[in-house]
N, C-alpha and C. Protein backbone atom coordinates (compact mmCIF):
# COMPACT_ATOMS: atom_id res chain seq x y z
N MET A 1 0.67 -0.92 -0.23
CA MET A 1 0.00 -0.14 -0.03
C MET A 1 1.21 1.37 0.27
N ASP A 2 0.62 2.29 -0.81
CA ASP A 2 1.21 3.33 -1.01
C ASP A 2 0.95 4.49 0.17
N SER A 3 1.81 4.67 1.03
CA SER A 3 1.74 5.49 2.19
C SER A 3 2.01 6.84 1.79
N LEU A 4 2.11 7.18 0.53
CA LEU A 4 2.13 8.89 0.28
C LEU A 4 1.38 9.93 0.69
N PRO A 5 0.08 9.13 -0.01
CA PRO A 5 -1.14 10.03 0.42
C PRO A 5 -1.59 10.39 1.83
N ILE A 6 -1.29 9.33 2.99
CA ILE A 6 -1.36 9.39 4.04
C ILE A 6 -0.51 10.24 4.55
N VAL A 7 0.85 10.43 4.64
CA VAL A 7 1.84 11.30 4.92
C VAL A 7 1.65 12.44 4.59
N ARG A 8 0.84 12.69 3.09
CA ARG A 8 1.18 14.14 2.78
C ARG A 8 -0.05 14.67 3.49
N VAL A 9 -1.24 13.75 4.01
CA VAL A 9 -2.25 14.33 4.51
C VAL A 9 -2.10 14.88 5.83
N ALA A 10 -1.23 14.21 6.37
CA ALA A 10 -0.71 14.23 7.98
C ALA A 10 0.48 15.56 7.94
N LEU A 11 1.09 15.66 6.89
CA LEU A 11 1.99 17.07 6.55
C LEU A 11 1.20 18.19 6.51
N LYS A 12 0.16 18.14 5.66
CA LYS A 12 -0.63 19.33 5.32
C LYS A 12 -1.39 19.85 6.94
N SER A 13 -1.60 18.97 7.41
CA SER A 13 -2.28 19.21 8.70
C SER A 13 -1.73 19.94 9.74
N GLN A 14 -0.57 19.05 9.96
CA GLN A 14 0.60 19.73 10.76
C GLN A 14 1.14 21.28 10.26
N TYR A 15 1.27 21.66 9.31
CA TYR A 15 1.38 22.60 8.23
C TYR A 15 0.41 23.55 8.56
N HIS A 16 -0.72 23.47 8.52
CA HIS A 16 -1.96 24.02 8.77
C HIS A 16 -1.77 24.62 10.35
N ALA A 17 -1.63 23.60 10.89
CA ALA A 17 -1.87 23.62 12.43
C ALA A 17 -0.72 24.69 13.10
N SER A 18 0.68 24.67 12.41
CA SER A 18 1.47 25.24 12.74
C SER A 18 1.12 26.97 12.42
N LEU A 19 0.71 26.94 11.32
CA LEU A 19 0.37 28.58 10.70
C LEU A 19 -0.73 28.96 11.35
N GLU A 20 -1.74 28.33 11.63
CA GLU A 20 -2.36 28.76 13.03
C GLU A 20 -1.91 29.41 14.44
N MET A 21 -1.10 28.13 14.90
CA MET A 21 -0.49 28.79 16.01
C MET A 21 0.39 30.24 15.82
N PHE A 22 0.88 30.31 14.67
CA PHE A 22 1.81 31.50 14.20
C PHE A 22 0.92 32.52 14.32
N GLN A 23 -0.38 32.57 13.48
CA GLN A 23 -1.37 33.89 13.53
C GLN A 23 -1.72 34.20 15.29
N GLU A 24 -1.86 33.21 15.89
CA GLU A 24 -2.41 33.22 16.99
C GLU A 24 -1.19 34.20 17.61
N ALA A 25 -0.06 33.77 17.64
CA ALA A 25 1.23 34.35 18.21
C ALA A 25 1.38 35.86 17.58
N ILE A 26 1.05 36.24 16.46
CA ILE A 26 0.90 37.55 15.91
C ILE A 26 -0.11 38.19 16.41
N HIS A 27 -1.13 37.55 16.38
CA HIS A 27 -2.48 38.51 17.26
C HIS A 27 -2.48 38.85 18.30
N GLY A 28 -1.56 37.77 19.46
CA GLY A 28 -1.50 37.87 20.81
C GLY A 28 -0.50 39.05 21.21
N CYS A 29 0.52 39.28 20.06
CA CYS A 29 1.58 40.10 20.30
C CYS A 29 1.35 41.34 20.64
N SER A 30 1.62 41.93 21.77
CA SER A 30 1.34 43.46 21.95
C SER A 30 2.09 44.46 21.22
N GLU A 31 1.55 45.40 20.93
CA GLU A 31 2.25 46.37 20.14
C GLU A 31 3.54 46.63 20.69
N GLU A 32 3.79 46.67 21.97
CA GLU A 32 5.34 47.09 22.50
C GLU A 32 6.43 45.83 22.26
N LEU A 33 5.76 44.79 22.19
CA LEU A 33 6.85 43.66 22.10
C LEU A 33 6.81 43.59 20.26
N TRP A 34 5.62 44.01 19.63
CA TRP A 34 5.62 43.87 17.97
C TRP A 34 7.07 44.89 17.77
N LEU A 35 6.90 46.32 18.36
CA LEU A 35 8.28 46.96 17.94
C LEU A 35 9.53 46.94 18.73
N ASP A 36 9.64 46.08 19.84
CA ASP A 36 10.65 46.24 20.72
C ASP A 36 11.97 45.86 19.66
N ASN A 37 12.64 46.70 19.74
CA ASN A 37 14.06 46.32 19.07
C ASN A 37 15.28 45.97 20.15
N LYS A 38 15.04 45.96 21.33
CA LYS A 38 15.99 45.44 22.04
C LYS A 38 16.58 44.04 22.03
N PRO A 39 15.87 43.02 21.21
CA PRO A 39 16.15 41.86 20.64
C PRO A 39 17.16 42.00 19.55
N VAL A 40 18.09 41.58 18.86
CA VAL A 40 18.71 41.84 17.69
C VAL A 40 17.26 41.76 16.67
N ASN A 41 16.53 41.51 16.51
CA ASN A 41 15.35 41.35 15.75
C ASN A 41 14.26 41.56 16.50
N ALA A 42 13.17 42.69 16.18
CA ALA A 42 11.81 43.01 16.50
C ALA A 42 11.05 41.77 16.14
N PHE A 43 9.94 41.62 16.99
CA PHE A 43 8.92 40.68 16.57
C PHE A 43 8.36 40.69 15.28
N TRP A 44 8.39 41.70 15.02
CA TRP A 44 7.64 41.62 13.42
C TRP A 44 8.69 41.58 12.46
N GLN A 45 9.88 41.46 12.74
CA GLN A 45 10.72 40.85 11.77
C GLN A 45 10.74 39.58 11.54
N VAL A 46 10.83 39.19 12.66
CA VAL A 46 10.84 37.55 12.70
C VAL A 46 9.63 37.07 12.03
N ALA A 47 8.35 37.76 12.63
CA ALA A 47 7.42 37.48 12.08
C ALA A 47 7.17 37.43 9.82
N TYR A 48 7.88 38.52 9.62
CA TYR A 48 8.07 38.73 8.17
C TYR A 48 8.95 37.72 7.75
N HIS A 49 10.13 37.14 8.11
CA HIS A 49 11.35 36.44 7.95
C HIS A 49 10.58 34.99 7.65
N THR A 50 9.77 34.84 8.66
CA THR A 50 8.97 33.52 8.74
C THR A 50 7.63 33.34 7.64
N LEU A 51 7.25 34.20 7.31
CA LEU A 51 6.03 34.38 6.45
C LEU A 51 6.67 34.33 4.88
N TYR A 52 8.03 34.94 4.77
CA TYR A 52 8.77 35.07 3.35
C TYR A 52 8.95 33.98 2.92
N TYR A 53 9.59 32.94 4.04
CA TYR A 53 9.88 31.61 3.80
C TYR A 53 8.86 30.70 3.60
N VAL A 54 7.99 30.81 4.24
CA VAL A 54 6.64 29.84 4.26
C VAL A 54 6.15 30.07 2.99
N HIS A 55 6.00 31.30 2.45
CA HIS A 55 5.64 31.52 1.37
C HIS A 55 6.57 31.00 -0.10
N MET A 56 7.61 31.14 0.23
CA MET A 56 8.91 30.72 -0.49
C MET A 56 8.85 29.15 -1.08
N TYR A 57 8.63 28.25 0.31
CA TYR A 57 8.71 27.30 0.25
C TYR A 57 7.15 26.30 -0.43
N LEU A 58 6.28 27.25 -0.28
CA LEU A 58 4.80 26.78 -0.87
C LEU A 58 5.04 26.65 -2.10
N GLN A 59 5.60 27.14 -2.85
CA GLN A 59 5.68 27.26 -4.39
C GLN A 59 6.42 25.89 -4.68
N PRO A 60 5.58 25.51 -5.91
CA PRO A 60 6.10 24.10 -6.34
C PRO A 60 7.55 24.19 -7.01
N ASP A 61 8.18 25.34 -7.39
CA ASP A 61 9.54 25.21 -7.60
C ASP A 61 10.06 26.64 -7.64
N LEU A 62 11.42 26.31 -6.61
CA LEU A 62 12.04 27.88 -6.19
C LEU A 62 12.14 28.82 -7.35
N ALA A 63 12.30 28.04 -8.52
CA ALA A 63 12.24 29.26 -9.60
C ALA A 63 11.32 29.93 -9.73
N LEU A 64 9.66 29.54 -9.43
CA LEU A 64 8.61 30.44 -9.43
C LEU A 64 8.45 31.21 -8.30
N PHE A 65 9.40 31.18 -7.46
CA PHE A 65 8.85 32.33 -6.11
C PHE A 65 9.28 33.65 -6.67
N LYS A 66 8.42 34.65 -6.10
CA LYS A 66 8.68 36.05 -6.49
C LYS A 66 8.37 36.81 -5.45
N PRO A 67 9.41 37.40 -4.55
CA PRO A 67 8.92 38.36 -3.39
C PRO A 67 7.94 39.27 -3.72
N TRP A 68 7.26 39.24 -2.69
CA TRP A 68 6.32 40.13 -2.39
C TRP A 68 6.80 41.67 -3.01
N ALA A 69 6.09 42.69 -3.74
CA ALA A 69 6.08 43.35 -4.26
C ALA A 69 7.14 45.07 -3.31
N GLU A 70 6.75 44.74 -2.05
CA GLU A 70 7.21 45.73 -1.36
C GLU A 70 8.31 44.94 -0.46
N HIS A 71 8.82 43.86 -0.88
CA HIS A 71 9.96 43.12 -0.14
C HIS A 71 11.47 43.83 -0.25
N GLN A 72 12.28 44.33 0.77
CA GLN A 72 13.15 45.04 0.54
C GLN A 72 14.71 44.12 0.64
N LYS A 73 15.07 43.86 -0.24
CA LYS A 73 16.15 42.82 -0.72
C LYS A 73 17.24 43.29 0.34
N GLU A 74 17.83 44.37 0.44
CA GLU A 74 19.13 44.80 0.95
C GLU A 74 18.90 45.08 2.36
N VAL A 75 17.55 45.01 3.21
CA VAL A 75 17.58 45.16 4.45
C VAL A 75 17.77 43.78 5.34
């Protein structure tokens, strides 16, 4: 029996669950923490970095990946 469909369903479920948890963390983050630059990177920068790579890895092929129009490559 081919287990690939079972694994695919399980991975998709876990991926969706992790994105839901990430969304809850973003919505639950206070404005003070969101903008706090005492750590090396503020929360918003870590969130942006995470979403950037989620978007990239969801592409069927890395050659098809196009960063968001407002992405600042040099920052």
